[in-house]
Structures are given as C-alpha cells and as structure tokens.
C-alpha atoms as a PDB file:
ATOM      1  CA  UNK A   1     166.361  92.928 206.856  1.00  0.00           C
ATOM      2  CA  UNK A   2     164.437  95.502 208.880  1.00  0.00           C
ATOM      3  CA  UNK A   3     161.465  97.085 207.132  1.00  0.00           C
ATOM      4  CA  UNK A   4     160.438 100.717 207.585  1.00  0.00           C
ATOM      5  CA  UNK A   5     157.333  99.796 209.579  1.00  0.00           C
ATOM      6  CA  UNK A   6     158.962  97.162 211.807  1.00  0.00           C
ATOM      7  CA  UNK A   7     158.567  97.750 215.531  1.00  0.00           C
ATOM      8  CA  UNK A   8     160.813  96.001 218.049  1.00  0.00           C
ATOM      9  CA  UNK A   9     160.803  95.866 221.836  1.00  0.00           C
ATOM     10  CA  UNK A  10     163.777  96.349 224.131  1.00  0.00           C
ATOM     11  CA  UNK A  11     163.310  94.782 227.570  1.00  0.00           C
ATOM     12  CA  UNK A  12     165.839  95.176 230.386  1.00  0.00           C
ATOM     13  CA  UNK A  13     166.002  92.596 233.177  1.00  0.00           C
ATOM     14  CA  UNK A  14     168.237  91.855 236.149  1.00  0.00           C
ATOM     15  CA  UNK A  15     168.335  88.560 238.029  1.00  0.00           C
ATOM     16  CA  UNK A  16     168.989  90.022 241.454  1.00  0.00           C
ATOM     17  CA  UNK A  17     168.932  86.523 242.982  1.00  0.00           C
ATOM     18  CA  UNK A  18     171.841  85.232 240.891  1.00  0.00           C
ATOM     19  CA  UNK A  19     174.903  84.584 243.141  1.00  0.00           C
ATOM     20  CA  UNK A  20     177.410  85.598 240.452  1.00  0.00           C
ATOM     21  CA  UNK A  21     175.578  88.853 239.814  1.00  0.00           C
ATOM     22  CA  UNK A  22     175.385  89.518 243.567  1.00  0.00           C
ATOM     23  CA  UNK A  23     179.135  88.950 243.930  1.00  0.00           C
ATOM     24  CA  UNK A  24     179.944  91.417 241.140  1.00  0.00           C
ATOM     25  CA  UNK A  25     177.478  93.904 242.558  1.00  0.00           C
ATOM     26  CA  UNK A  26     178.989  93.769 246.063  1.00  0.00           C
ATOM     27  CA  UNK A  27     182.511  94.001 244.673  1.00  0.00           C
ATOM     28  CA  UNK A  28     181.788  97.303 242.967  1.00  0.00           C
ATOM     29  CA  UNK A  29     179.643  98.564 245.844  1.00  0.00           C
ATOM     30  CA  UNK A  30     182.675  98.297 248.098  1.00  0.00           C
ATOM     31  CA  UNK A  31     185.014 100.008 245.634  1.00  0.00           C
ATOM     32  CA  UNK A  32     182.729 102.861 244.545  1.00  0.00           C
ATOM     33  CA  UNK A  33     181.659 105.675 246.851  1.00  0.00           C
ATOM     34  CA  UNK A  34     178.933 107.322 244.796  1.00  0.00           C
ATOM     35  CA  UNK A  35     175.636 106.154 243.324  1.00  0.00           C
ATOM     36  CA  UNK A  36     172.411 104.399 244.247  1.00  0.00           C
ATOM     37  CA  UNK A  37     173.476 100.956 245.528  1.00  0.00           C
ATOM     38  CA  UNK A  38     170.266  99.679 247.116  1.00  0.00           C
ATOM     39  CA  UNK A  39     170.179  95.999 246.196  1.00  0.00           C
ATOM     40  CA  UNK A  40     166.449  95.878 246.963  1.00  0.00           C
ATOM     41  CA  UNK A  41     165.847  97.797 243.717  1.00  0.00           C
ATOM     42  CA  UNK A  42     166.651  94.604 241.787  1.00  0.00           C
ATOM     43  CA  UNK A  43     164.392  92.102 243.546  1.00  0.00           C
ATOM     44  CA  UNK A  44     162.209  89.884 241.382  1.00  0.00           C
ATOM     45  CA  UNK A  45     158.404  89.845 241.656  1.00  0.00           C
ATOM     46  CA  UNK A  46     158.272  86.657 239.533  1.00  0.00           C
ATOM     47  CA  UNK A  47     156.143  88.253 236.831  1.00  0.00           C
ATOM     48  CA  UNK A  48     158.497  87.939 233.862  1.00  0.00           C
ATOM     49  CA  UNK A  49     156.589  84.971 232.439  1.00  0.00           C
ATOM     50  CA  UNK A  50     153.471  87.137 232.389  1.00  0.00           C
ATOM     51  CA  UNK A  51     155.372  89.896 230.640  1.00  0.00           C
ATOM     52  CA  UNK A  52     156.163  87.555 227.738  1.00  0.00           C
ATOM     53  CA  UNK A  53     152.623  86.166 227.744  1.00  0.00           C
ATOM     54  CA  UNK A  54     151.307  89.710 227.531  1.00  0.00           C
ATOM     55  CA  UNK A  55     153.428  90.536 224.490  1.00  0.00           C
ATOM     56  CA  UNK A  56     152.435  87.325 222.722  1.00  0.00           C
ATOM     57  CA  UNK A  57     148.732  87.859 223.473  1.00  0.00           C
ATOM     58  CA  UNK A  58     148.317  91.617 223.274  1.00  0.00           C
ATOM     59  CA  UNK A  59     151.072  92.688 220.834  1.00  0.00           C
ATOM     60  CA  UNK A  60     151.577  89.861 218.317  1.00  0.00           C
ATOM     61  CA  UNK A  61     152.569  92.479 215.718  1.00  0.00           C
ATOM     62  CA  UNK A  62     155.956  93.071 217.403  1.00  0.00           C
ATOM     63  CA  UNK A  63     158.815  91.974 215.123  1.00  0.00           C
ATOM     64  CA  UNK A  64     161.507  91.184 217.688  1.00  0.00           C
ATOM     65  CA  UNK A  65     162.114  91.317 221.450  1.00  0.00           C
ATOM     66  CA  UNK A  66     165.655  92.297 222.417  1.00  0.00           C
ATOM     67  CA  UNK A  67     166.040  90.880 225.933  1.00  0.00           C
ATOM     68  CA  UNK A  68     168.866  92.809 227.623  1.00  0.00           C
ATOM     69  CA  UNK A  69     170.641  91.302 230.651  1.00  0.00           C
ATOM     70  CA  UNK A  70     174.123  91.344 232.171  1.00  0.00           C
ATOM     71  CA  UNK A  71     174.476  87.697 231.128  1.00  0.00           C
ATOM     72  CA  UNK A  72     171.918  85.868 233.253  1.00  0.00           C
ATOM     73  CA  UNK A  73     168.800  84.163 231.929  1.00  0.00           C
ATOM     74  CA  UNK A  74     165.632  82.744 233.476  1.00  0.00           C
ATOM     75  CA  UNK A  75     165.887  78.958 233.220  1.00  0.00           C
ATOM     76  CA  UNK A  76     162.447  78.672 231.612  1.00  0.00           C
ATOM     77  CA  UNK A  77     163.094  81.043 228.695  1.00  0.00           C
ATOM     78  CA  UNK A  78     162.968  79.567 225.178  1.00  0.00           C
ATOM     79  CA  UNK A  79     165.994  81.041 223.417  1.00  0.00           C
ATOM     80  CA  UNK A  80     164.961  79.360 220.169  1.00  0.00           C
ATOM     81  CA  UNK A  81     161.884  81.538 219.775  1.00  0.00           C
ATOM     82  CA  UNK A  82     162.254  83.328 216.410  1.00  0.00           C
ATOM     83  CA  UNK A  83     161.186  86.669 217.889  1.00  0.00           C
ATOM     84  CA  UNK A  84     163.644  86.571 220.803  1.00  0.00           C
ATOM     85  CA  UNK A  85     167.115  88.114 220.696  1.00  0.00           C
ATOM     86  CA  UNK A  86     169.112  87.709 223.899  1.00  0.00           C
ATOM     87  CA  UNK A  87     171.457  90.694 224.259  1.00  0.00           C
ATOM     88  CA  UNK A  88     174.189  90.773 226.890  1.00  0.00           C
ATOM     89  CA  UNK A  89     175.571  94.097 228.095  1.00  0.00           C
ATOM     90  CA  UNK A  90     178.907  93.202 226.517  1.00  0.00           C
ATOM     91  CA  UNK A  91     177.196  92.809 223.134  1.00  0.00           C
ATOM     92  CA  UNK A  92     176.402  96.505 222.772  1.00  0.00           C
ATOM     93  CA  UNK A  93     177.707  98.654 225.634  1.00  0.00           C
ATOM     94  CA  UNK A  94     181.242 100.033 225.057  1.00  0.00           C
ATOM     95  CA  UNK A  95     183.855  98.155 227.083  1.00  0.00           C
ATOM     96  CA  UNK A  96     184.935 101.212 229.075  1.00  0.00           C
ATOM     97  CA  UNK A  97     181.486 101.324 230.707  1.00  0.00           C
ATOM     98  CA  UNK A  98     181.452  97.675 231.830  1.00  0.00           C
ATOM     99  CA  UNK A  99     180.499  96.110 234.082  1.00  0.00           C
ATOM    100  CA  UNK A 100     177.612  98.413 234.873  1.00  0.00           C
ATOM    101  CA  UNK A 101     174.821  98.363 237.432  1.00  0.00           C
ATOM    102  CA  UNK A 102     173.518 101.706 236.209  1.00  0.00           C
ATOM    103  CA  UNK A 103     170.273 101.517 234.251  1.00  0.00           C
ATOM    104  CA  UNK A 104     171.005 104.949 232.786  1.00  0.00           C
ATOM    105  CA  UNK A 105     174.256 103.690 231.245  1.00  0.00           C
ATOM    106  CA  UNK A 106     172.368 100.756 229.741  1.00  0.00           C
ATOM    107  CA  UNK A 107     169.438 102.774 228.372  1.00  0.00           C
ATOM    108  CA  UNK A 108     171.538 105.464 226.739  1.00  0.00           C
ATOM    109  CA  UNK A 109     173.318 102.899 224.551  1.00  0.00           C
ATOM    110  CA  UNK A 110     170.312 101.054 223.112  1.00  0.00           C
ATOM    111  CA  UNK A 111     170.993 102.317 219.587  1.00  0.00           C
ATOM    112  CA  UNK A 112     174.098 100.110 219.525  1.00  0.00           C
ATOM    113  CA  UNK A 113     172.076  96.869 219.741  1.00  0.00           C
ATOM    114  CA  UNK A 114     172.756  94.925 216.561  1.00  0.00           C
ATOM    115  CA  UNK A 115     169.648  94.348 214.466  1.00  0.00           C
ATOM    116  CA  UNK A 116     167.460  96.773 216.409  1.00  0.00           C
ATOM    117  CA  UNK A 117     164.747  98.285 214.219  1.00  0.00           C
ATOM    118  CA  UNK A 118     164.517 102.033 213.722  1.00  0.00           C
ATOM    119  CA  UNK A 119     161.256 102.076 215.701  1.00  0.00           C
ATOM    120  CA  UNK A 120     161.298 100.371 219.080  1.00  0.00           C
ATOM    121  CA  UNK A 121     159.402 100.369 222.363  1.00  0.00           C
ATOM    122  CA  UNK A 122     161.334 100.324 225.621  1.00  0.00           C
ATOM    123  CA  UNK A 123     159.938  98.310 228.515  1.00  0.00           C
ATOM    124  CA  UNK A 124     161.311  98.029 232.023  1.00  0.00           C
ATOM    125  CA  UNK A 125     160.470  94.646 233.501  1.00  0.00           C
ATOM    126  CA  UNK A 126     157.829  96.280 235.711  1.00  0.00           C
ATOM    127  CA  UNK A 127     155.733  97.378 232.709  1.00  0.00           C
ATOM    128  CA  UNK A 128     153.064  94.966 231.466  1.00  0.00           C
ATOM    129  CA  UNK A 129     150.505  94.800 228.676  1.00  0.00           C
ATOM    130  CA  UNK A 130     147.074  93.780 229.961  1.00  0.00           C
ATOM    131  CA  UNK A 131     144.878  94.456 226.924  1.00  0.00           C
ATOM    132  CA  UNK A 132     145.092  94.304 223.136  1.00  0.00           C
ATOM    133  CA  UNK A 133     147.341  96.926 221.564  1.00  0.00           C
ATOM    134  CA  UNK A 134     147.972  98.132 218.026  1.00  0.00           C
ATOM    135  CA  UNK A 135     151.148  99.481 216.423  1.00  0.00           C
ATOM    136  CA  UNK A 136     149.391 102.860 216.202  1.00  0.00           C
ATOM    137  CA  UNK A 137     149.244 102.995 219.995  1.00  0.00           C
ATOM    138  CA  UNK A 138     152.985 103.649 219.846  1.00  0.00           C
ATOM    139  CA  UNK A 139     153.869 104.932 216.363  1.00  0.00           C
ATOM    140  CA  UNK A 140     152.085 106.821 213.593  1.00  0.00           C
ATOM    141  CA  UNK A 141     153.691 107.701 210.273  1.00  0.00           C
ATOM    142  CA  UNK A 142     157.034 106.556 211.629  1.00  0.00           C
ATOM    143  CA  UNK A 143     156.896 108.922 214.628  1.00  0.00           C
ATOM    144  CA  UNK A 144     156.477 108.107 218.337  1.00  0.00           C
ATOM    145  CA  UNK A 145     153.040 108.796 219.818  1.00  0.00           C
ATOM    146  CA  UNK A 146     153.614 111.142 222.731  1.00  0.00           C
ATOM    147  CA  UNK A 147     152.581 114.349 224.448  1.00  0.00           C
ATOM    148  CA  UNK A 148     154.414 117.658 224.781  1.00  0.00           C
ATOM    149  CA  UNK A 149     153.460 119.014 228.193  1.00  0.00           C
ATOM    150  CA  UNK A 150     155.559 121.511 230.110  1.00  0.00           C
ATOM    151  CA  UNK A 151     156.110 120.487 233.709  1.00  0.00           C
ATOM    152  CA  UNK A 152     158.296 121.903 236.496  1.00  0.00           C
ATOM    153  CA  UNK A 153     160.901 119.688 238.142  1.00  0.00           C
ATOM    154  CA  UNK A 154     160.114 118.761 241.739  1.00  0.00           C
ATOM    155  CA  UNK A 155     162.553 117.571 244.455  1.00  0.00           C
ATOM    156  CA  UNK A 156     161.906 113.832 244.105  1.00  0.00           C
ATOM    157  CA  UNK A 157     164.425 110.978 244.174  1.00  0.00           C
ATOM    158  CA  UNK A 158     167.426 111.851 241.990  1.00  0.00           C
ATOM    159  CA  UNK A 159     165.955 115.135 240.685  1.00  0.00           C
ATOM    160  CA  UNK A 160     169.380 116.088 239.332  1.00  0.00           C
ATOM    161  CA  UNK A 161     168.928 113.583 236.505  1.00  0.00           C
ATOM    162  CA  UNK A 162     165.789 115.399 235.360  1.00  0.00           C
ATOM    163  CA  UNK A 163     167.601 118.720 235.727  1.00  0.00           C
ATOM    164  CA  UNK A 164     170.461 117.395 233.594  1.00  0.00           C
ATOM    165  CA  UNK A 165     168.027 116.257 230.899  1.00  0.00           C
ATOM    166  CA  UNK A 166     166.423 119.694 230.832  1.00  0.00           C
ATOM    167  CA  UNK A 167     169.785 121.478 230.780  1.00  0.00           C
ATOM    168  CA  UNK A 168     170.711 119.576 227.629  1.00  0.00           C
ATOM    169  CA  UNK A 169     167.459 120.548 225.932  1.00  0.00           C
ATOM    170  CA  UNK A 170     167.803 124.214 226.873  1.00  0.00           C
ATOM    171  CA  UNK A 171     171.389 124.146 225.630  1.00  0.00           C
ATOM    172  CA  UNK A 172     170.320 122.890 222.215  1.00  0.00           C
ATOM    173  CA  UNK A 173     166.839 124.327 221.646  1.00  0.00           C
ATOM    174  CA  UNK A 174     164.959 127.591 222.039  1.00  0.00           C
ATOM    175  CA  UNK A 175     161.687 126.972 223.874  1.00  0.00           C
ATOM    176  CA  UNK A 176     159.960 129.790 222.007  1.00  0.00           C
ATOM    177  CA  UNK A 177     161.103 128.561 218.591  1.00  0.00           C
ATOM    178  CA  UNK A 178     160.342 124.901 219.320  1.00  0.00           C
ATOM    179  CA  UNK A 179     156.772 125.619 220.402  1.00  0.00           C
ATOM    180  CA  UNK A 180     156.092 128.175 217.661  1.00  0.00           C
ATOM    181  CA  UNK A 181     157.355 125.788 214.978  1.00  0.00           C
ATOM    182  CA  UNK A 182     155.023 122.973 216.098  1.00  0.00           C
ATOM    183  CA  UNK A 183     152.301 124.874 217.949  1.00  0.00           C
ATOM    184  CA  UNK A 184     149.602 122.284 217.251  1.00  0.00           C
ATOM    185  CA  UNK A 185     151.716 119.591 218.873  1.00  0.00           C
ATOM    186  CA  UNK A 186     152.130 121.629 222.056  1.00  0.00           C
ATOM    187  CA  UNK A 187     148.711 123.245 222.348  1.00  0.00           C
ATOM    188  CA  UNK A 188     146.566 120.205 221.658  1.00  0.00           C
ATOM    189  CA  UNK A 189     143.146 119.346 223.089  1.00  0.00           C
ATOM    190  CA  UNK A 190     144.076 115.653 223.161  1.00  0.00           C
ATOM    191  CA  UNK A 191     146.099 116.411 226.275  1.00  0.00           C
ATOM    192  CA  UNK A 192     142.984 117.240 228.283  1.00  0.00           C
ATOM    193  CA  UNK A 193     143.552 118.775 231.701  1.00  0.00           C
ATOM    194  CA  UNK A 194     147.334 118.518 231.312  1.00  0.00           C
ATOM    195  CA  UNK A 195     147.230 121.226 228.647  1.00  0.00           C
ATOM    196  CA  UNK A 196     146.660 123.746 231.443  1.00  0.00           C
ATOM    197  CA  UNK A 197     150.170 123.059 232.758  1.00  0.00           C
ATOM    198  CA  UNK A 198     151.726 124.060 229.458  1.00  0.00           C
ATOM    199  CA  UNK A 199     149.587 127.181 229.150  1.00  0.00           C
ATOM    200  CA  UNK A 200     150.612 128.355 232.626  1.00  0.00           C
ATOM    201  CA  UNK A 201     154.308 127.742 231.927  1.00  0.00           C
ATOM    202  CA  UNK A 202     154.398 129.330 228.465  1.00  0.00           C
ATOM    203  CA  UNK A 203     155.666 132.753 229.703  1.00  0.00           C
ATOM    204  CA  UNK A 204     158.979 131.304 230.922  1.00  0.00           C
ATOM    205  CA  UNK A 205     161.858 131.651 228.449  1.00  0.00           C
ATOM    206  CA  UNK A 206     163.408 128.243 229.110  1.00  0.00           C
ATOM    207  CA  UNK A 207     162.017 124.722 229.244  1.00  0.00           C
ATOM    208  CA  UNK A 208     161.159 124.113 232.930  1.00  0.00           C
ATOM    209  CA  UNK A 209     160.947 120.369 232.294  1.00  0.00           C
ATOM    210  CA  UNK A 210     158.545 118.031 230.533  1.00  0.00           C
ATOM    211  CA  UNK A 211     155.885 115.728 231.916  1.00  0.00           C
ATOM    212  CA  UNK A 212     156.891 112.062 231.784  1.00  0.00           C
ATOM    213  CA  UNK A 213     154.748 108.938 231.785  1.00  0.00           C
ATOM    214  CA  UNK A 214     156.353 105.973 233.553  1.00  0.00           C
ATOM    215  CA  UNK A 215     155.092 103.503 230.952  1.00  0.00           C
ATOM    216  CA  UNK A 216     156.501 101.559 228.007  1.00  0.00           C
ATOM    217  CA  UNK A 217     157.740 104.189 225.618  1.00  0.00           C
ATOM    218  CA  UNK A 218     158.369 104.467 221.847  1.00  0.00           C
ATOM    219  CA  UNK A 219     161.711 105.658 220.504  1.00  0.00           C
ATOM    220  CA  UNK A 220     163.530 105.985 217.198  1.00  0.00           C
ATOM    221  CA  UNK A 221     167.061 104.653 217.067  1.00  0.00           C
ATOM    222  CA  UNK A 222     168.192 107.645 215.025  1.00  0.00           C
ATOM    223  CA  UNK A 223     167.331 109.992 217.899  1.00  0.00           C
ATOM    224  CA  UNK A 224     169.836 108.214 220.146  1.00  0.00           C
ATOM    225  CA  UNK A 225     172.612 108.585 217.580  1.00  0.00           C
ATOM    226  CA  UNK A 226     171.774 112.256 217.081  1.00  0.00           C
ATOM    227  CA  UNK A 227     171.917 113.074 220.797  1.00  0.00           C
ATOM    228  CA  UNK A 228     175.190 111.175 221.184  1.00  0.00           C
ATOM    229  CA  UNK A 229     176.674 113.280 218.405  1.00  0.00           C
ATOM    230  CA  UNK A 230     175.460 116.527 219.985  1.00  0.00           C
ATOM    231  CA  UNK A 231     176.120 115.748 223.664  1.00  0.00           C
ATOM    232  CA  UNK A 232     178.880 113.118 223.955  1.00  0.00           C
ATOM    233  CA  UNK A 233     180.363 114.412 227.214  1.00  0.00           C
ATOM    234  CA  UNK A 234     177.340 114.035 229.474  1.00  0.00           C
ATOM    235  CA  UNK A 235     176.439 110.693 227.884  1.00  0.00           C
ATOM    236  CA  UNK A 236     179.998 109.483 228.428  1.00  0.00           C
ATOM    237  CA  UNK A 237     179.823 110.622 232.057  1.00  0.00           C
ATOM    238  CA  UNK A 238     176.606 108.645 232.427  1.00  0.00           C
ATOM    239  CA  UNK A 239     178.193 105.553 230.906  1.00  0.00           C
ATOM    240  CA  UNK A 240     181.207 105.692 233.217  1.00  0.00           C
ATOM    241  CA  UNK A 241     179.038 105.758 236.367  1.00  0.00           C
ATOM    242  CA  UNK A 242     178.810 102.189 237.710  1.00  0.00           C
ATOM    243  CA  UNK A 243     175.643 103.055 239.617  1.00  0.00           C
ATOM    244  CA  UNK A 244     172.861 105.560 239.035  1.00  0.00           C
ATOM    245  CA  UNK A 245     174.333 108.951 239.895  1.00  0.00           C
ATOM    246  CA  UNK A 246     173.409 112.612 240.223  1.00  0.00           C
ATOM    247  CA  UNK A 247     175.670 113.387 237.252  1.00  0.00           C
ATOM    248  CA  UNK A 248     173.633 111.208 234.864  1.00  0.00           C
ATOM    249  CA  UNK A 249     171.053 111.787 232.206  1.00  0.00           C
ATOM    250  CA  UNK A 250     168.572 109.002 231.478  1.00  0.00           C
ATOM    251  CA  UNK A 251     166.349 107.707 228.672  1.00  0.00           C
ATOM    252  CA  UNK A 252     164.133 110.790 228.867  1.00  0.00           C
ATOM    253  CA  UNK A 253     166.844 112.913 227.268  1.00  0.00           C
ATOM    254  CA  UNK A 254     166.059 111.217 223.953  1.00  0.00           C
ATOM    255  CA  UNK A 255     162.343 111.769 224.455  1.00  0.00           C
ATOM    256  CA  UNK A 256     162.859 115.440 225.337  1.00  0.00           C
ATOM    257  CA  UNK A 257     164.996 115.784 222.212  1.00  0.00           C
ATOM    258  CA  UNK A 258     162.420 114.496 219.739  1.00  0.00           C
ATOM    259  CA  UNK A 259     159.693 116.525 221.422  1.00  0.00           C
ATOM    260  CA  UNK A 260     161.755 119.708 221.140  1.00  0.00           C
ATOM    261  CA  UNK A 261     162.264 118.918 217.438  1.00  0.00           C
ATOM    262  CA  UNK A 262     158.569 118.205 216.927  1.00  0.00           C
ATOM    263  CA  UNK A 263     159.282 114.658 215.744  1.00  0.00           C
ATOM    264  CA  UNK A 264     156.294 112.974 217.386  1.00  0.00           C
ATOM    265  CA  UNK A 265     152.567 112.420 216.876  1.00  0.00           C
ATOM    266  CA  UNK A 266     150.391 114.106 219.568  1.00  0.00           C
ATOM    267  CA  UNK A 267     148.530 111.678 221.815  1.00  0.00           C
ATOM    268  CA  UNK A 268     147.590 111.545 225.493  1.00  0.00           C
ATOM    269  CA  UNK A 269     149.306 108.274 226.374  1.00  0.00           C
ATOM    270  CA  UNK A 270     148.218 108.640 230.001  1.00  0.00           C
ATOM    271  CA  UNK A 271     144.731 107.557 228.909  1.00  0.00           C
ATOM    272  CA  UNK A 272     145.927 104.083 227.938  1.00  0.00           C
ATOM    273  CA  UNK A 273     148.130 103.206 230.896  1.00  0.00           C
ATOM    274  CA  UNK A 274     148.512 103.602 234.629  1.00  0.00           C
ATOM    275  CA  UNK A 275     151.466 103.561 237.005  1.00  0.00           C
ATOM    276  CA  UNK A 276     151.000 102.021 240.442  1.00  0.00           C
ATOM    277  CA  UNK A 277     153.370 101.941 243.382  1.00  0.00           C
ATOM    278  CA  UNK A 278     153.170  98.516 244.977  1.00  0.00           C
ATOM    279  CA  UNK A 279     152.151  99.004 248.593  1.00  0.00           C
ATOM    280  CA  UNK A 280     149.853  97.174 250.979  1.00  0.00           C
ATOM    281  CA  UNK A 281     147.320  99.977 250.517  1.00  0.00           C
ATOM    282  CA  UNK A 282     147.385  99.764 246.692  1.00  0.00           C
ATOM    283  CA  UNK A 283     147.548  96.001 246.165  1.00  0.00           C
ATOM    284  CA  UNK A 284     143.791  95.476 245.779  1.00  0.00           C
ATOM    285  CA  UNK A 285     143.510  98.328 243.262  1.00  0.00           C
ATOM    286  CA  UNK A 286     146.400  96.900 241.244  1.00  0.00           C
ATOM    287  CA  UNK A 287     144.934  93.402 241.167  1.00  0.00           C
ATOM    288  CA  UNK A 288     141.528  94.769 240.151  1.00  0.00           C
ATOM    289  CA  UNK A 289     143.043  96.836 237.333  1.00  0.00           C
ATOM    290  CA  UNK A 290     144.857  93.756 236.034  1.00  0.00           C
ATOM    291  CA  UNK A 291     141.910  91.370 236.324  1.00  0.00           C
ATOM    292  CA  UNK A 292     139.443  93.764 234.670  1.00  0.00           C
ATOM    293  CA  UNK A 293     141.985  94.769 232.014  1.00  0.00           C
ATOM    294  CA  UNK A 294     141.158  98.387 232.726  1.00  0.00           C
ATOM    295  CA  UNK A 295     144.260  99.670 230.936  1.00  0.00           C
ATOM    296  CA  UNK A 296     146.288  98.632 227.920  1.00  0.00           C
ATOM    297  CA  UNK A 297     149.389  98.705 230.060  1.00  0.00           C
ATOM    298  CA  UNK A 298     150.333  99.052 233.695  1.00  0.00           C
ATOM    299  CA  UNK A 299     153.595  99.873 235.426  1.00  0.00           C
ATOM    300  CA  UNK A 300     154.061  98.290 238.849  1.00  0.00           C
ATOM    301  CA  UNK A 301     156.677 100.389 240.583  1.00  0.00           C
ATOM    302  CA  UNK A 302     158.319  98.636 243.522  1.00  0.00           C
ATOM    303  CA  UNK A 303     157.367 100.466 246.701  1.00  0.00           C
ATOM    304  CA  UNK A 304     160.569  99.090 248.315  1.00  0.00           C
ATOM    305  CA  UNK A 305     159.144  99.197 251.857  1.00  0.00           C
ATOM    306  CA  UNK A 306     157.078  96.003 251.595  1.00  0.00           C
ATOM    307  CA  UNK A 307     156.175  94.186 254.847  1.00  0.00           C
ATOM    308  CA  UNK A 308     155.320  90.809 253.265  1.00  0.00           C
ATOM    309  CA  UNK A 309     156.990  90.619 249.881  1.00  0.00           C
ATOM    310  CA  UNK A 310     156.293  86.936 249.157  1.00  0.00           C
ATOM    311  CA  UNK A 311     152.563  87.189 249.910  1.00  0.00           C
ATOM    312  CA  UNK A 312     152.150  90.317 247.801  1.00  0.00           C
ATOM    313  CA  UNK A 313     154.115  88.772 244.948  1.00  0.00           C
ATOM    314  CA  UNK A 314     151.828  85.740 245.037  1.00  0.00           C
ATOM    315  CA  UNK A 315     148.692  87.906 244.852  1.00  0.00           C
ATOM    316  CA  UNK A 316     150.047  89.767 241.843  1.00  0.00           C
ATOM    317  CA  UNK A 317     150.886  86.501 240.094  1.00  0.00           C
ATOM    318  CA  UNK A 318     147.353  85.245 240.737  1.00  0.00           C
ATOM    319  CA  UNK A 319     145.879  88.406 239.211  1.00  0.00           C
ATOM    320  CA  UNK A 320     147.970  88.057 236.062  1.00  0.00           C
ATOM    321  CA  UNK A 321     147.159  84.349 235.864  1.00  0.00           C
ATOM    322  CA  UNK A 322     143.490  85.232 235.488  1.00  0.00           C
ATOM    323  CA  UNK A 323     144.082  87.095 232.211  1.00  0.00           C
ATOM    324  CA  UNK A 324     147.197  85.205 231.040  1.00  0.00           C
ATOM    325  CA  UNK A 325     146.822  81.639 232.350  1.00  0.00           C
ATOM    326  CA  UNK A 326     148.582  79.754 229.555  1.00  0.00           C
ATOM    327  CA  UNK A 327     152.274  79.319 228.830  1.00  0.00           C
ATOM    328  CA  UNK A 328     153.570  81.360 225.936  1.00  0.00           C
ATOM    329  CA  UNK A 329     155.855  80.086 223.200  1.00  0.00           C
ATOM    330  CA  UNK A 330     158.624  82.007 224.978  1.00  0.00           C
ATOM    331  CA  UNK A 331     158.458  79.473 227.832  1.00  0.00           C
ATOM    332  CA  UNK A 332     160.069  76.031 227.659  1.00  0.00           C
END
C-alpha cells in the first residue's frame, strides 16, 4: 500500500539499437506523414547503468522505480530488485494510442501506471543524479518544489507544443487571479535574477508562458487526472500522434496547471541542477561537472550533430565511473 509520503520515480527509456523496435519504427515512419521521425534522437549513450547507480547512491529514499519501455530491456537489468517495476507501454497507455513513438503520448498517461505513488519524480534517461539528494529537494508538505516564473515563448524546436500548453492554461485560468491568490509564490526572492522576468511580464493580461527547467521533475498523479478531465480533446490528440507533433501538448501542461493553481512549494530548482548540450565544445565542462559533483543533478541533452559519438560516449562513461564505480543492486 502506498503511504502519503511515498515518492516514486518514473523513468522512460528506448532501446534504439533493438532490431524489433527499429522495424516497428520504420514501418510507422513510412506510413505516417507528420511528426518528428529522426531516429538519431533515440541513440544510446550507454549511461543507463550509471543512472541506476546514481539513484541507489544518491536517492536511497525512493520507494519504487517505474521503468517505462516499449517492451525492450537492457540485458543486465535485475528485474528481481524489490524497488524496480518494469512497465511496458501496453500496461498503461490506452490501446488506441499504441504503438507510439511519441514521448508526449507516453508522458501524458503516466497517471495510469498501476501502483504509482501520488508523488513521483519524472526522469528522462538523459537526467542523472550526481550528488546526495533528499525528498525535500523535490517535495515539501506533499507539494512539488518548483518556481513560478513568467517567460515568453521563443521560436525554438517545436514551439507549438509550448504554445499549446500555454493556450490550455489561459483557457482555464486568469493570470491576474492566479498570481493575486498566491502572490508570495510568484513574487519570491528565492528565484533570484529570474524574478525580474516575472516582474517585467506582469502587465500582460494572459500568461505568456512559464520558464521550464530541463531536469528531473516532481509531479502529483492527481494533477494528471484533473487535467485529463478538463482538457480531454487536446490530450487525446496528443495520444493519437504516433510521433511528436505540432498539435501536441507535453508533460509541462501538468506543471503549468499546478503552478496556476498555486499547488507547489517555491524553490529555485535551477540552483541544484544544470542542463548541458553534448557537443565537442562542452564535453570537458560536462565531465568536470560530473567528476566534481558540482550539481545534484545534470541533464545531458544530445546535441545530435556529434562527429565522434563513440569516443564522446566513452569519455562520459569514464567521468561517471569516477563517482559511481561499483555495480548497483539493479545490475545482474
């Protein structure tokens, strides 16, 4: 039975090297015109072992890890570990959305995972713990630790998804009322220099967008169910898209929702983590940050245009081996 203070982790992973997965992927690529179909987005940096070592070492307080895949598994994973729950897409995603290669369709259905605790932290497989953490880094008094910072939407990759998220929030919440009701959570000195963004954007009547941190993020399962009840059409559209699409919303819609409701504990989470784009020019900085354990968590975003993938992957593995050299109980 889940207890009120239990905190789980949801981890999504794709084995892009699996021949069966590749065959399914290519089949739907050929039959679907729209969506982001770049297979390179799913390549493996061979750091998953270090992800599990990091959780065991730096977050031993986690109750359960729900390991979400389309059906594939790393051959070294110990499925008998009492904290591990292997979850296939077919175990929780409605049948009409399957098979899916759309991370947004997967993320927006997390609340359907059987046995998932009310409080959970979502990790992509490029997000790693590198220093000791506490439950209060993610939740306080049953609420996610987060920041409410207004931020305009810029024309980056798939900006329509961020626009769609913001449209939903503006459709359901008054910016003026939301901020006035929880003023201390919006105008908060913990946010440091980022507070200036919110102050400058206060005069606008609508939410222009919210600042996101590409790091492991806390959620409450109840928020997912609430948004599904309020906005089933756009979530259904997201689920039906086989690949990431301009018509989608993503996980941030649930974050935006609880921020607009004031259901979070103010904290500048950017102080505890750092996002890096893996490039030749950033590799040394990344390895140094890992080795020195500068941050509690790091996100290593695939730069995609990598001239020597194998060599860079090896250097990253060596850096993680320095702080996490020993096999975890999650490894056979």
